């Protein structure tokens, strides 16, 4: 199994070529990516200010992997608590999985965060540790204001499915109310993109700021 900590160390290693350190960051994302791989990568390009030309700021990769690592530590602690609780439940003869399932066990295709997989530019603006803390608090029954994912308190937006309406968070496209038909309806990206363009950070400038000439701006 790929070791997150091994590849985190590769990201930190200034003796490696910057493109190898960048690839190590991607490997870390295949192990843990709260917003999905593409959306989490996009988030990190913004939060860590990863420039289009990596050589302009190699330390941005360290900032990115450390934010990811901090969120992963919180997630691991919670998964261990959940595993211990499940073992106790099974010993007591209660084998059914609690509903709703913990946020990290949700099937993305049926999850309210599925829009982040279809439009990776519409993830929450929260730093990853803040998102994990928020999801853990909701799992504990906290009554938090706004969108469950990002806390946005603006009025939701509705999109027609052709035979019903899907209600989304205006900030992150979290599904607040699915179509009454019960089927999954894809979120259409607001700005066309390709994974190659995203991976090469076409949306970023060499100064680590968003590219003001990119169509999504």
N, C-alpha and C. Protein backbone atom coordinates (compact mmCIF):
# COMPACT_ATOMS: atom_id res chain seq x y z
N UNK A 1 0.85 -1.19 0.00
CA UNK A 1 0.00 0.00 0.00
C UNK A 1 0.89 1.24 0.00
N UNK A 2 0.50 2.25 -0.74
CA UNK A 2 1.25 3.49 -0.80
C UNK A 2 1.28 4.14 0.57
N UNK A 3 2.46 4.57 1.00
CA UNK A 3 2.61 5.21 2.30
C UNK A 3 2.50 6.71 2.15
N UNK A 4 1.53 7.28 2.81
CA UNK A 4 1.36 8.73 2.79
C UNK A 4 2.60 9.41 3.36
N UNK A 5 3.09 8.91 4.49
CA UNK A 5 4.20 9.57 5.16
C UNK A 5 5.49 9.48 4.35
N UNK A 6 5.67 8.38 3.62
CA UNK A 6 6.86 8.26 2.76
C UNK A 6 6.84 9.32 1.68
N UNK A 7 5.71 9.49 1.03
CA UNK A 7 5.62 10.47 -0.05
C UNK A 7 5.56 11.90 0.49
N UNK A 8 5.04 12.07 1.68
CA UNK A 8 5.13 13.40 2.32
C UNK A 8 6.60 13.78 2.51
N UNK A 9 7.42 12.81 2.92
CA UNK A 9 8.84 13.08 3.09
C UNK A 9 9.50 13.44 1.75
N UNK A 10 9.05 12.79 0.67
CA UNK A 10 9.58 13.11 -0.65
C UNK A 10 9.25 14.56 -1.04
N UNK A 11 8.04 15.00 -0.68
CA UNK A 11 7.66 16.38 -0.99
C UNK A 11 8.59 17.35 -0.27
N UNK A 12 8.98 17.01 0.95
CA UNK A 12 9.85 17.87 1.75
C UNK A 12 11.30 17.86 1.27
N UNK A 13 11.70 16.83 0.55
CA UNK A 13 13.11 16.63 0.20
C UNK A 13 13.54 17.60 -0.90
N UNK A 14 14.24 18.66 -0.52
CA UNK A 14 14.69 19.66 -1.49
C UNK A 14 15.77 19.11 -2.41
N UNK A 15 16.29 17.92 -2.11
CA UNK A 15 17.28 17.31 -2.99
C UNK A 15 16.66 16.65 -4.20
N UNK A 16 15.35 16.45 -4.19
CA UNK A 16 14.66 15.87 -5.34
C UNK A 16 14.29 16.96 -6.34
N UNK A 17 14.26 16.64 -7.62
CA UNK A 17 13.74 17.62 -8.61
C UNK A 17 12.32 18.02 -8.24
N UNK A 18 11.98 19.25 -8.55
CA UNK A 18 10.68 19.77 -8.11
C UNK A 18 9.53 18.98 -8.73
N UNK A 19 9.69 18.46 -9.94
CA UNK A 19 8.59 17.71 -10.55
C UNK A 19 8.36 16.39 -9.82
N UNK A 20 9.43 15.80 -9.26
CA UNK A 20 9.25 14.57 -8.48
C UNK A 20 8.55 14.87 -7.16
N UNK A 21 8.86 15.99 -6.57
CA UNK A 21 8.19 16.38 -5.34
C UNK A 21 6.70 16.63 -5.60
N UNK A 22 6.43 17.22 -6.76
CA UNK A 22 5.03 17.46 -7.16
C UNK A 22 4.29 16.14 -7.37
N UNK A 23 4.94 15.18 -8.00
CA UNK A 23 4.33 13.87 -8.19
C UNK A 23 4.08 13.17 -6.85
N UNK A 24 4.98 13.39 -5.89
CA UNK A 24 4.80 12.80 -4.56
C UNK A 24 3.57 13.39 -3.89
N UNK A 25 3.32 14.68 -4.11
CA UNK A 25 2.10 15.29 -3.57
C UNK A 25 0.87 14.63 -4.17
N UNK A 26 0.90 14.37 -5.46
CA UNK A 26 -0.24 13.70 -6.09
C UNK A 26 -0.46 12.32 -5.49
N UNK A 27 0.63 11.59 -5.21
CA UNK A 27 0.48 10.27 -4.60
C UNK A 27 -0.16 10.39 -3.23
N UNK A 28 0.22 11.42 -2.46
CA UNK A 28 -0.43 11.64 -1.17
C UNK A 28 -1.94 11.85 -1.34
N UNK A 29 -2.31 12.53 -2.42
CA UNK A 29 -3.73 12.78 -2.67
C UNK A 29 -4.48 11.51 -3.04
N UNK A 30 -3.80 10.52 -3.59
CA UNK A 30 -4.48 9.26 -3.89
C UNK A 30 -4.78 8.48 -2.61
N UNK A 31 -4.09 8.83 -1.53
CA UNK A 31 -4.31 8.18 -0.24
C UNK A 31 -5.38 8.91 0.56
N UNK A 32 -5.37 10.23 0.50
CA UNK A 32 -6.32 11.03 1.30
C UNK A 32 -6.64 12.31 0.55
N UNK A 33 -7.90 12.50 0.23
CA UNK A 33 -8.33 13.71 -0.50
C UNK A 33 -9.77 14.01 -0.09
N UNK A 34 -9.99 14.82 0.94
CA UNK A 34 -11.34 15.05 1.46
C UNK A 34 -12.34 15.58 0.44
N UNK A 35 -11.88 16.35 -0.55
CA UNK A 35 -12.78 16.89 -1.56
C UNK A 35 -12.76 16.06 -2.85
N UNK A 36 -12.13 14.89 -2.83
CA UNK A 36 -11.87 14.15 -4.05
C UNK A 36 -10.54 14.61 -4.61
N UNK A 37 -9.86 13.76 -5.38
CA UNK A 37 -8.50 14.05 -5.80
C UNK A 37 -8.39 15.37 -6.54
N UNK A 38 -9.21 15.57 -7.56
CA UNK A 38 -9.06 16.77 -8.39
C UNK A 38 -9.45 18.04 -7.63
N UNK A 39 -10.56 17.98 -6.91
CA UNK A 39 -11.00 19.16 -6.18
C UNK A 39 -10.04 19.48 -5.03
N UNK A 40 -9.51 18.45 -4.37
CA UNK A 40 -8.55 18.70 -3.28
C UNK A 40 -7.26 19.30 -3.84
N UNK A 41 -6.82 18.79 -4.99
CA UNK A 41 -5.62 19.36 -5.61
C UNK A 41 -5.86 20.83 -5.97
N UNK A 42 -7.02 21.12 -6.56
CA UNK A 42 -7.32 22.51 -6.90
C UNK A 42 -7.32 23.38 -5.66
N UNK A 43 -7.95 22.88 -4.59
CA UNK A 43 -7.97 23.63 -3.34
C UNK A 43 -6.54 23.94 -2.87
N UNK A 44 -5.66 22.94 -2.91
CA UNK A 44 -4.29 23.15 -2.43
C UNK A 44 -3.51 24.12 -3.30
N UNK A 45 -3.79 24.13 -4.60
CA UNK A 45 -3.10 25.10 -5.45
C UNK A 45 -3.41 26.52 -5.00
N UNK A 46 -4.63 26.74 -4.52
CA UNK A 46 -5.03 28.07 -4.07
C UNK A 46 -4.54 28.34 -2.65
N UNK A 47 -4.79 27.40 -1.74
CA UNK A 47 -4.46 27.65 -0.33
C UNK A 47 -2.95 27.71 -0.10
N UNK A 48 -2.18 26.90 -0.85
CA UNK A 48 -0.73 26.90 -0.71
C UNK A 48 -0.05 27.79 -1.74
N UNK A 49 -0.83 28.42 -2.61
CA UNK A 49 -0.30 29.31 -3.65
C UNK A 49 0.75 28.61 -4.50
N UNK A 50 0.37 27.45 -5.05
CA UNK A 50 1.29 26.71 -5.92
C UNK A 50 1.31 27.39 -7.29
N UNK A 51 2.44 27.91 -7.73
CA UNK A 51 2.47 28.63 -9.00
C UNK A 51 2.44 27.69 -10.20
N UNK A 52 2.12 28.25 -11.35
CA UNK A 52 2.14 27.44 -12.57
C UNK A 52 3.54 26.87 -12.81
N UNK A 53 4.57 27.70 -12.62
CA UNK A 53 5.94 27.23 -12.76
C UNK A 53 6.45 26.87 -11.37
N UNK A 54 6.56 25.57 -11.10
CA UNK A 54 6.87 25.10 -9.76
C UNK A 54 8.19 25.63 -9.24
N UNK A 55 9.14 25.82 -10.13
CA UNK A 55 10.45 26.31 -9.71
C UNK A 55 10.38 27.70 -9.06
N UNK A 56 9.30 28.43 -9.32
CA UNK A 56 9.16 29.77 -8.76
C UNK A 56 8.93 29.73 -7.24
N UNK A 57 8.41 28.63 -6.73
CA UNK A 57 8.16 28.52 -5.29
C UNK A 57 8.02 27.05 -4.89
N UNK A 58 9.13 26.31 -4.83
CA UNK A 58 9.05 24.89 -4.44
C UNK A 58 8.46 24.68 -3.06
N UNK A 59 8.64 25.67 -2.17
CA UNK A 59 8.11 25.51 -0.81
C UNK A 59 6.58 25.46 -0.78
N UNK A 60 5.93 25.89 -1.86
CA UNK A 60 4.48 25.81 -1.91
C UNK A 60 4.01 24.37 -1.82
N UNK A 61 4.83 23.43 -2.33
CA UNK A 61 4.47 22.02 -2.25
C UNK A 61 4.50 21.54 -0.81
N UNK A 62 5.44 22.05 -0.03
CA UNK A 62 5.51 21.70 1.39
C UNK A 62 4.28 22.24 2.12
N UNK A 63 3.91 23.48 1.82
CA UNK A 63 2.71 24.05 2.46
C UNK A 63 1.48 23.20 2.14
N UNK A 64 1.40 22.75 0.90
CA UNK A 64 0.24 21.96 0.48
C UNK A 64 0.19 20.63 1.21
N UNK A 65 1.31 19.91 1.23
CA UNK A 65 1.29 18.58 1.84
C UNK A 65 1.10 18.67 3.35
N UNK A 66 1.56 19.76 3.98
CA UNK A 66 1.36 19.91 5.42
C UNK A 66 -0.09 20.19 5.76
N UNK A 67 -0.78 20.97 4.93
CA UNK A 67 -2.22 21.16 5.16
C UNK A 67 -2.95 19.82 5.02
N UNK A 68 -2.58 19.06 4.01
CA UNK A 68 -3.19 17.75 3.80
C UNK A 68 -2.88 16.82 4.97
N UNK A 69 -1.64 16.85 5.44
CA UNK A 69 -1.23 16.00 6.55
C UNK A 69 -2.00 16.34 7.83
N UNK A 70 -2.16 17.63 8.10
CA UNK A 70 -2.89 18.04 9.31
C UNK A 70 -4.33 17.53 9.28
N UNK A 71 -4.97 17.62 8.13
CA UNK A 71 -6.34 17.12 8.00
C UNK A 71 -6.38 15.60 8.14
N UNK A 72 -5.38 14.93 7.59
CA UNK A 72 -5.35 13.47 7.65
C UNK A 72 -5.17 12.97 9.08
N UNK A 73 -4.38 13.67 9.88
CA UNK A 73 -4.20 13.29 11.28
C UNK A 73 -5.54 13.34 12.02
N UNK A 74 -6.31 14.39 11.77
CA UNK A 74 -7.64 14.50 12.39
C UNK A 74 -8.55 13.37 11.93
N UNK A 75 -8.50 13.07 10.64
CA UNK A 75 -9.33 12.01 10.08
C UNK A 75 -8.95 10.64 10.65
N UNK A 76 -7.65 10.36 10.74
CA UNK A 76 -7.21 9.07 11.27
C UNK A 76 -7.66 8.89 12.71
N UNK A 77 -7.55 9.95 13.51
CA UNK A 77 -7.99 9.84 14.90
C UNK A 77 -9.47 9.49 14.97
N UNK A 78 -10.26 10.11 14.08
CA UNK A 78 -11.70 9.83 14.12
C UNK A 78 -12.03 8.44 13.60
N UNK A 79 -11.33 7.99 12.58
CA UNK A 79 -11.60 6.64 12.07
C UNK A 79 -11.25 5.58 13.10
N UNK A 80 -10.21 5.83 13.90
CA UNK A 80 -9.85 4.88 14.95
C UNK A 80 -10.93 4.84 16.02
N UNK A 81 -11.47 5.99 16.38
CA UNK A 81 -12.58 6.03 17.34
C UNK A 81 -13.79 5.27 16.80
N UNK A 82 -14.07 5.49 15.52
CA UNK A 82 -15.22 4.83 14.90
C UNK A 82 -15.02 3.32 14.85
N UNK A 83 -13.81 2.87 14.51
CA UNK A 83 -13.53 1.44 14.44
C UNK A 83 -13.70 0.79 15.82
N UNK A 84 -13.25 1.47 16.88
CA UNK A 84 -13.40 0.93 18.23
C UNK A 84 -14.88 0.84 18.60
N UNK A 85 -15.65 1.87 18.23
CA UNK A 85 -17.10 1.86 18.51
C UNK A 85 -17.79 0.73 17.77
N UNK A 86 -17.42 0.51 16.49
CA UNK A 86 -18.03 -0.56 15.71
C UNK A 86 -17.71 -1.93 16.30
N UNK A 87 -16.49 -2.12 16.77
CA UNK A 87 -16.14 -3.41 17.40
C UNK A 87 -16.99 -3.65 18.64
N UNK A 88 -17.19 -2.60 19.43
CA UNK A 88 -18.03 -2.73 20.63
C UNK A 88 -19.48 -3.03 20.24
N UNK A 89 -19.97 -2.38 19.19
CA UNK A 89 -21.34 -2.63 18.73
C UNK A 89 -21.51 -4.07 18.27
N UNK A 90 -20.54 -4.59 17.55
CA UNK A 90 -20.63 -5.96 17.05
C UNK A 90 -20.59 -6.96 18.21
N UNK A 91 -19.75 -6.68 19.21
CA UNK A 91 -19.70 -7.59 20.37
C UNK A 91 -21.05 -7.61 21.09
N UNK A 92 -21.76 -6.47 21.00
CA UNK A 92 -23.07 -6.39 21.64
C UNK A 92 -24.18 -6.95 20.76
N UNK A 93 -23.82 -7.45 19.57
CA UNK A 93 -24.80 -8.04 18.67
C UNK A 93 -25.45 -7.07 17.73
N UNK A 94 -24.98 -5.81 17.72
CA UNK A 94 -25.56 -4.81 16.82
C UNK A 94 -24.61 -4.63 15.64
N UNK A 95 -24.91 -5.34 14.54
CA UNK A 95 -23.99 -5.36 13.41
C UNK A 95 -24.37 -4.38 12.29
N UNK A 96 -25.58 -3.86 12.33
CA UNK A 96 -26.00 -2.92 11.28
C UNK A 96 -25.20 -1.62 11.38
N UNK A 97 -24.81 -1.10 10.23
CA UNK A 97 -24.08 0.16 10.20
C UNK A 97 -25.03 1.31 10.48
N UNK A 98 -24.60 2.22 11.34
CA UNK A 98 -25.44 3.36 11.69
C UNK A 98 -25.71 4.21 10.45
N UNK A 99 -26.88 4.83 10.43
CA UNK A 99 -27.26 5.72 9.33
C UNK A 99 -27.50 7.12 9.90
N UNK A 100 -26.95 8.15 9.28
CA UNK A 100 -26.13 8.10 8.06
C UNK A 100 -24.73 7.56 8.33
N UNK A 101 -24.12 7.03 7.28
CA UNK A 101 -22.77 6.52 7.40
C UNK A 101 -21.80 7.67 7.65
N UNK A 102 -20.68 7.39 8.33
CA UNK A 102 -19.68 8.45 8.52
C UNK A 102 -19.26 9.07 7.20
N UNK A 103 -18.90 10.33 7.24
CA UNK A 103 -18.65 11.08 6.01
C UNK A 103 -17.57 10.46 5.15
N UNK A 104 -16.59 9.79 5.73
CA UNK A 104 -15.50 9.23 4.92
C UNK A 104 -15.87 7.90 4.29
N UNK A 105 -17.01 7.34 4.66
CA UNK A 105 -17.45 6.06 4.09
C UNK A 105 -18.54 6.23 3.04
N UNK A 106 -18.93 7.47 2.77
CA UNK A 106 -19.99 7.68 1.79
C UNK A 106 -19.52 7.33 0.38
N UNK A 107 -20.41 6.71 -0.39
CA UNK A 107 -20.15 6.46 -1.80
C UNK A 107 -20.30 7.78 -2.54
N UNK A 108 -19.22 8.23 -3.21
CA UNK A 108 -19.24 9.57 -3.82
C UNK A 108 -20.37 9.73 -4.82
N UNK A 109 -20.71 8.66 -5.54
CA UNK A 109 -21.73 8.79 -6.59
C UNK A 109 -23.11 9.07 -6.02
N UNK A 110 -23.33 8.73 -4.76
CA UNK A 110 -24.63 8.96 -4.14
C UNK A 110 -24.53 9.98 -3.00
N UNK A 111 -23.39 10.61 -2.87
CA UNK A 111 -23.16 11.52 -1.77
C UNK A 111 -23.54 12.95 -2.15
N UNK A 112 -23.90 13.77 -1.16
CA UNK A 112 -24.23 15.16 -1.48
C UNK A 112 -23.02 15.98 -1.94
N UNK A 113 -21.80 15.42 -1.81
CA UNK A 113 -20.62 16.15 -2.27
C UNK A 113 -20.16 15.70 -3.66
N UNK A 114 -21.03 14.99 -4.38
CA UNK A 114 -20.60 14.42 -5.66
C UNK A 114 -20.28 15.50 -6.70
N UNK A 115 -20.83 16.71 -6.51
CA UNK A 115 -20.55 17.78 -7.45
C UNK A 115 -19.07 18.13 -7.51
N UNK A 116 -18.33 17.88 -6.44
CA UNK A 116 -16.90 18.21 -6.43
C UNK A 116 -16.11 17.30 -7.35
N UNK A 117 -16.65 16.12 -7.62
CA UNK A 117 -15.99 15.20 -8.54
C UNK A 117 -16.28 15.60 -10.00
N UNK A 118 -17.42 16.23 -10.20
CA UNK A 118 -17.82 16.61 -11.56
C UNK A 118 -17.38 18.02 -11.91
N UNK A 119 -17.28 18.88 -10.92
CA UNK A 119 -16.79 20.24 -11.11
C UNK A 119 -15.81 20.54 -9.98
N UNK A 120 -14.53 20.17 -10.14
CA UNK A 120 -13.56 20.28 -9.04
C UNK A 120 -13.22 21.70 -8.63
N UNK A 121 -13.80 22.70 -9.30
CA UNK A 121 -13.55 24.09 -8.91
C UNK A 121 -14.60 24.60 -7.93
N UNK A 122 -15.57 23.75 -7.57
CA UNK A 122 -16.67 24.21 -6.71
C UNK A 122 -16.66 23.56 -5.33
N UNK A 123 -15.51 23.19 -4.86
CA UNK A 123 -15.37 22.62 -3.53
C UNK A 123 -15.50 23.72 -2.46
N UNK A 124 -15.61 23.35 -1.18
CA UNK A 124 -15.67 24.37 -0.12
C UNK A 124 -14.39 25.20 -0.07
N UNK A 125 -14.50 26.44 0.38
CA UNK A 125 -13.31 27.28 0.53
C UNK A 125 -12.54 27.00 1.81
N UNK A 126 -13.09 26.15 2.67
CA UNK A 126 -12.46 25.86 3.97
C UNK A 126 -11.11 25.17 3.79
N UNK A 127 -10.16 25.52 4.67
CA UNK A 127 -8.94 24.73 4.72
C UNK A 127 -9.31 23.31 5.12
N UNK A 128 -8.53 22.35 4.68
CA UNK A 128 -8.90 20.94 4.86
C UNK A 128 -9.08 20.55 6.33
N UNK A 129 -8.20 20.98 7.26
CA UNK A 129 -8.46 20.64 8.66
C UNK A 129 -9.79 21.19 9.17
N UNK A 130 -10.15 22.40 8.73
CA UNK A 130 -11.42 22.99 9.16
C UNK A 130 -12.59 22.17 8.62
N UNK A 131 -12.48 21.68 7.38
CA UNK A 131 -13.54 20.86 6.81
C UNK A 131 -13.69 19.56 7.59
N UNK A 132 -12.58 18.91 7.91
CA UNK A 132 -12.64 17.65 8.66
C UNK A 132 -13.25 17.88 10.05
N UNK A 133 -12.84 18.96 10.71
CA UNK A 133 -13.42 19.26 12.02
C UNK A 133 -14.92 19.49 11.90
N UNK A 134 -15.34 20.18 10.85
CA UNK A 134 -16.76 20.46 10.67
C UNK A 134 -17.54 19.16 10.46
N UNK A 135 -17.01 18.27 9.62
CA UNK A 135 -17.70 17.01 9.37
C UNK A 135 -17.75 16.14 10.62
N UNK A 136 -16.69 16.15 11.41
CA UNK A 136 -16.68 15.38 12.65
C UNK A 136 -17.70 15.95 13.65
N UNK A 137 -17.82 17.27 13.69
CA UNK A 137 -18.79 17.89 14.59
C UNK A 137 -20.21 17.51 14.18
N UNK A 138 -20.50 17.51 12.88
CA UNK A 138 -21.82 17.12 12.41
C UNK A 138 -22.09 15.65 12.73
N UNK A 139 -21.07 14.82 12.63
CA UNK A 139 -21.22 13.40 12.96
C UNK A 139 -21.58 13.23 14.44
N UNK A 140 -21.09 14.15 15.26
CA UNK A 140 -21.38 14.11 16.70
C UNK A 140 -22.74 14.72 17.03
N UNK A 141 -23.45 15.21 16.01
CA UNK A 141 -24.78 15.76 16.24
C UNK A 141 -24.83 17.26 16.43
N UNK A 142 -23.71 17.95 16.15
CA UNK A 142 -23.71 19.41 16.29
C UNK A 142 -24.67 20.04 15.29
N UNK A 143 -25.31 21.11 15.71
CA UNK A 143 -26.24 21.85 14.86
C UNK A 143 -25.50 23.09 14.36
N UNK A 144 -24.84 22.95 13.21
CA UNK A 144 -24.03 24.03 12.68
C UNK A 144 -24.83 24.83 11.64
N UNK A 145 -24.63 26.12 11.58
CA UNK A 145 -25.39 26.94 10.63
C UNK A 145 -24.88 26.78 9.20
N UNK A 146 -25.75 27.05 8.26
CA UNK A 146 -25.35 27.07 6.86
C UNK A 146 -25.20 25.71 6.23
N UNK A 147 -24.57 25.70 5.08
CA UNK A 147 -24.34 24.46 4.34
C UNK A 147 -23.55 23.47 5.20
N UNK A 148 -23.95 22.19 5.23
CA UNK A 148 -23.22 21.21 6.03
C UNK A 148 -21.74 21.11 5.65
N UNK A 149 -21.42 21.36 4.39
CA UNK A 149 -20.03 21.21 3.95
C UNK A 149 -19.19 22.44 4.22
N UNK A 150 -19.71 23.61 3.86
CA UNK A 150 -18.86 24.80 3.89
C UNK A 150 -19.36 25.91 4.81
N UNK A 151 -20.58 25.78 5.31
CA UNK A 151 -21.11 26.80 6.21
C UNK A 151 -21.72 28.01 5.52
N UNK A 152 -21.78 28.01 4.21
CA UNK A 152 -22.35 29.13 3.47
C UNK A 152 -23.82 29.32 3.88
N UNK A 153 -24.17 30.53 4.30
CA UNK A 153 -25.52 30.79 4.79
C UNK A 153 -26.38 31.55 3.78
N UNK A 154 -25.90 31.69 2.55
CA UNK A 154 -26.71 32.34 1.53
C UNK A 154 -27.87 31.44 1.11
N UNK A 155 -28.91 32.01 0.52
CA UNK A 155 -30.03 31.18 0.06
C UNK A 155 -29.55 30.13 -0.94
N UNK A 156 -30.07 28.92 -0.87
CA UNK A 156 -29.66 27.88 -1.83
C UNK A 156 -30.14 28.21 -3.23
N UNK A 157 -29.55 27.53 -4.18
CA UNK A 157 -29.95 27.72 -5.58
C UNK A 157 -30.56 26.42 -6.08
N UNK A 158 -31.52 26.53 -6.99
CA UNK A 158 -32.21 25.35 -7.52
C UNK A 158 -31.91 25.21 -9.01
N UNK A 159 -31.71 23.98 -9.42
CA UNK A 159 -31.45 23.68 -10.83
C UNK A 159 -32.48 22.65 -11.30
N UNK A 160 -33.00 22.87 -12.47
CA UNK A 160 -33.99 21.95 -13.02
C UNK A 160 -33.31 20.68 -13.52
N UNK A 161 -33.93 19.55 -13.22
CA UNK A 161 -33.45 18.28 -13.75
C UNK A 161 -34.27 17.86 -14.97
N UNK A 162 -35.21 18.71 -15.37
CA UNK A 162 -36.09 18.39 -16.49
C UNK A 162 -37.43 17.89 -16.03
N UNK A 163 -37.47 17.31 -14.83
CA UNK A 163 -38.73 16.80 -14.29
C UNK A 163 -38.84 17.10 -12.80
N UNK A 164 -37.90 17.85 -12.29
CA UNK A 164 -37.90 18.21 -10.88
C UNK A 164 -36.81 19.24 -10.63
N UNK A 165 -36.49 19.43 -9.35
CA UNK A 165 -35.50 20.43 -8.99
C UNK A 165 -34.48 19.85 -8.02
N UNK A 166 -33.23 20.23 -8.23
CA UNK A 166 -32.14 19.87 -7.33
C UNK A 166 -31.69 21.14 -6.64
N UNK A 167 -31.62 21.12 -5.32
CA UNK A 167 -31.24 22.31 -4.56
C UNK A 167 -29.79 22.17 -4.10
N UNK A 168 -28.98 23.17 -4.45
CA UNK A 168 -27.55 23.13 -4.18
C UNK A 168 -27.11 24.31 -3.32
N UNK A 169 -26.02 24.11 -2.59
CA UNK A 169 -25.37 25.22 -1.91
C UNK A 169 -24.77 26.14 -2.97
N UNK A 170 -24.97 27.45 -2.87
CA UNK A 170 -24.42 28.34 -3.89
C UNK A 170 -22.90 28.45 -3.85
N UNK A 171 -22.32 28.05 -2.72
CA UNK A 171 -20.88 28.18 -2.60
C UNK A 171 -20.10 26.97 -3.07
N UNK A 172 -20.60 25.76 -2.77
CA UNK A 172 -19.81 24.56 -3.06
C UNK A 172 -20.57 23.46 -3.79
N UNK A 173 -21.81 23.73 -4.19
CA UNK A 173 -22.61 22.76 -4.95
C UNK A 173 -22.94 21.49 -4.17
N UNK A 174 -22.89 21.56 -2.84
CA UNK A 174 -23.35 20.45 -2.01
C UNK A 174 -24.84 20.28 -2.25
N UNK A 175 -25.30 19.05 -2.41
CA UNK A 175 -26.72 18.79 -2.67
C UNK A 175 -27.49 18.90 -1.37
N UNK A 176 -28.26 19.96 -1.25
CA UNK A 176 -29.08 20.18 -0.06
C UNK A 176 -30.40 19.43 -0.15
N UNK A 177 -30.92 19.29 -1.37
CA UNK A 177 -32.17 18.55 -1.59
C UNK A 177 -32.07 17.91 -2.97
N UNK A 178 -32.08 16.58 -3.06
CA UNK A 178 -31.96 15.91 -4.36
C UNK A 178 -33.24 15.99 -5.16
N UNK A 179 -33.16 15.60 -6.40
CA UNK A 179 -34.34 15.54 -7.25
C UNK A 179 -35.32 14.52 -6.67
N UNK A 180 -36.61 14.82 -6.68
CA UNK A 180 -37.60 13.88 -6.12
C UNK A 180 -37.59 12.51 -6.78
N UNK A 181 -37.05 12.40 -8.00
CA UNK A 181 -37.04 11.10 -8.68
C UNK A 181 -36.07 10.13 -8.03
N UNK A 182 -35.16 10.63 -7.20
CA UNK A 182 -34.23 9.75 -6.51
C UNK A 182 -33.00 9.40 -7.32
N UNK A 183 -32.96 9.79 -8.60
CA UNK A 183 -31.78 9.48 -9.41
C UNK A 183 -30.72 10.56 -9.25
N UNK A 184 -29.48 10.18 -9.53
CA UNK A 184 -28.39 11.13 -9.47
C UNK A 184 -28.35 11.94 -10.76
N UNK A 185 -28.29 13.26 -10.62
CA UNK A 185 -28.17 14.13 -11.77
C UNK A 185 -26.81 14.83 -11.69
N UNK A 186 -26.02 14.76 -12.74
CA UNK A 186 -24.67 15.33 -12.68
C UNK A 186 -24.68 16.85 -12.55
N UNK A 187 -23.64 17.35 -11.91
CA UNK A 187 -23.44 18.79 -11.83
C UNK A 187 -22.63 19.21 -13.05
N UNK A 188 -23.15 20.11 -13.83
CA UNK A 188 -22.46 20.57 -15.03
C UNK A 188 -21.42 21.61 -14.63
N UNK A 189 -20.14 21.40 -14.97
CA UNK A 189 -19.10 22.37 -14.60
C UNK A 189 -19.43 23.77 -15.10
N UNK A 190 -19.23 24.75 -14.24
CA UNK A 190 -19.49 26.13 -14.63
C UNK A 190 -18.47 26.60 -15.67
N UNK A 191 -17.24 26.08 -15.58
CA UNK A 191 -16.19 26.41 -16.54
C UNK A 191 -15.61 25.11 -17.08
N UNK A 192 -15.58 24.91 -18.39
CA UNK A 192 -14.99 23.69 -18.93
C UNK A 192 -13.53 23.54 -18.48
N UNK A 193 -13.13 22.31 -18.21
CA UNK A 193 -11.77 22.07 -17.75
C UNK A 193 -11.31 20.70 -18.24
N UNK A 194 -10.00 20.50 -18.19
CA UNK A 194 -9.42 19.18 -18.42
C UNK A 194 -8.51 18.88 -17.24
N UNK A 195 -8.33 17.60 -16.96
CA UNK A 195 -7.43 17.22 -15.86
C UNK A 195 -6.01 17.67 -16.16
N UNK A 196 -5.60 17.61 -17.42
CA UNK A 196 -4.26 18.06 -17.77
C UNK A 196 -4.08 19.54 -17.45
N UNK A 197 -5.05 20.35 -17.82
CA UNK A 197 -4.97 21.77 -17.54
C UNK A 197 -4.97 22.07 -16.05
N UNK A 198 -5.79 21.32 -15.30
CA UNK A 198 -5.82 21.49 -13.85
C UNK A 198 -4.50 21.08 -13.23
N UNK A 199 -3.97 19.92 -13.65
CA UNK A 199 -2.71 19.41 -13.10
C UNK A 199 -1.54 20.35 -13.41
N UNK A 200 -1.59 21.00 -14.56
CA UNK A 200 -0.52 21.94 -14.92
C UNK A 200 -0.81 23.35 -14.41
N UNK A 201 -1.91 23.49 -13.67
CA UNK A 201 -2.25 24.75 -13.00
C UNK A 201 -2.44 25.91 -13.98
N UNK A 202 -3.20 25.64 -15.02
CA UNK A 202 -3.51 26.71 -15.98
C UNK A 202 -4.28 27.84 -15.31
N UNK A 203 -4.92 27.55 -14.18
CA UNK A 203 -5.70 28.56 -13.46
C UNK A 203 -4.83 29.41 -12.54
N UNK A 204 -3.53 29.11 -12.48
CA UNK A 204 -2.62 29.85 -11.60
C UNK A 204 -1.58 30.62 -12.41
N UNK A 205 -1.05 31.67 -11.81
CA UNK A 205 0.04 32.41 -12.43
C UNK A 205 1.36 32.01 -11.80
N UNK A 206 2.45 32.49 -12.31
CA UNK A 206 3.76 32.16 -11.77
C UNK A 206 4.05 32.86 -10.45
N UNK A 207 3.17 33.79 -10.06
CA UNK A 207 3.32 34.47 -8.77
C UNK A 207 2.56 33.78 -7.66
N UNK A 208 1.92 32.63 -7.97
CA UNK A 208 1.15 31.91 -6.96
C UNK A 208 -0.25 32.45 -6.76
N UNK A 209 -0.64 33.44 -7.55
CA UNK A 209 -1.99 33.99 -7.49
C UNK A 209 -2.83 33.43 -8.63
N UNK A 210 -4.15 33.39 -8.47
CA UNK A 210 -4.99 32.90 -9.57
C UNK A 210 -4.74 33.68 -10.85
N UNK A 211 -4.72 32.97 -11.96
CA UNK A 211 -4.49 33.56 -13.27
C UNK A 211 -5.73 34.38 -13.68
N UNK A 212 -5.57 35.70 -13.73
CA UNK A 212 -6.74 36.55 -14.04
C UNK A 212 -7.20 36.42 -15.48
N UNK A 213 -6.41 35.78 -16.31
CA UNK A 213 -6.81 35.58 -17.71
C UNK A 213 -7.47 34.22 -17.93
N UNK A 214 -7.47 33.38 -16.90
CA UNK A 214 -8.09 32.06 -17.04
C UNK A 214 -9.60 32.22 -17.16
N UNK A 215 -10.26 31.41 -17.99
CA UNK A 215 -11.70 31.61 -18.22
C UNK A 215 -12.56 31.55 -16.96
N UNK A 216 -12.09 30.81 -15.94
CA UNK A 216 -12.91 30.68 -14.75
C UNK A 216 -12.88 31.90 -13.85
N UNK A 217 -12.04 32.88 -14.16
CA UNK A 217 -11.95 34.06 -13.33
C UNK A 217 -13.08 35.05 -13.65
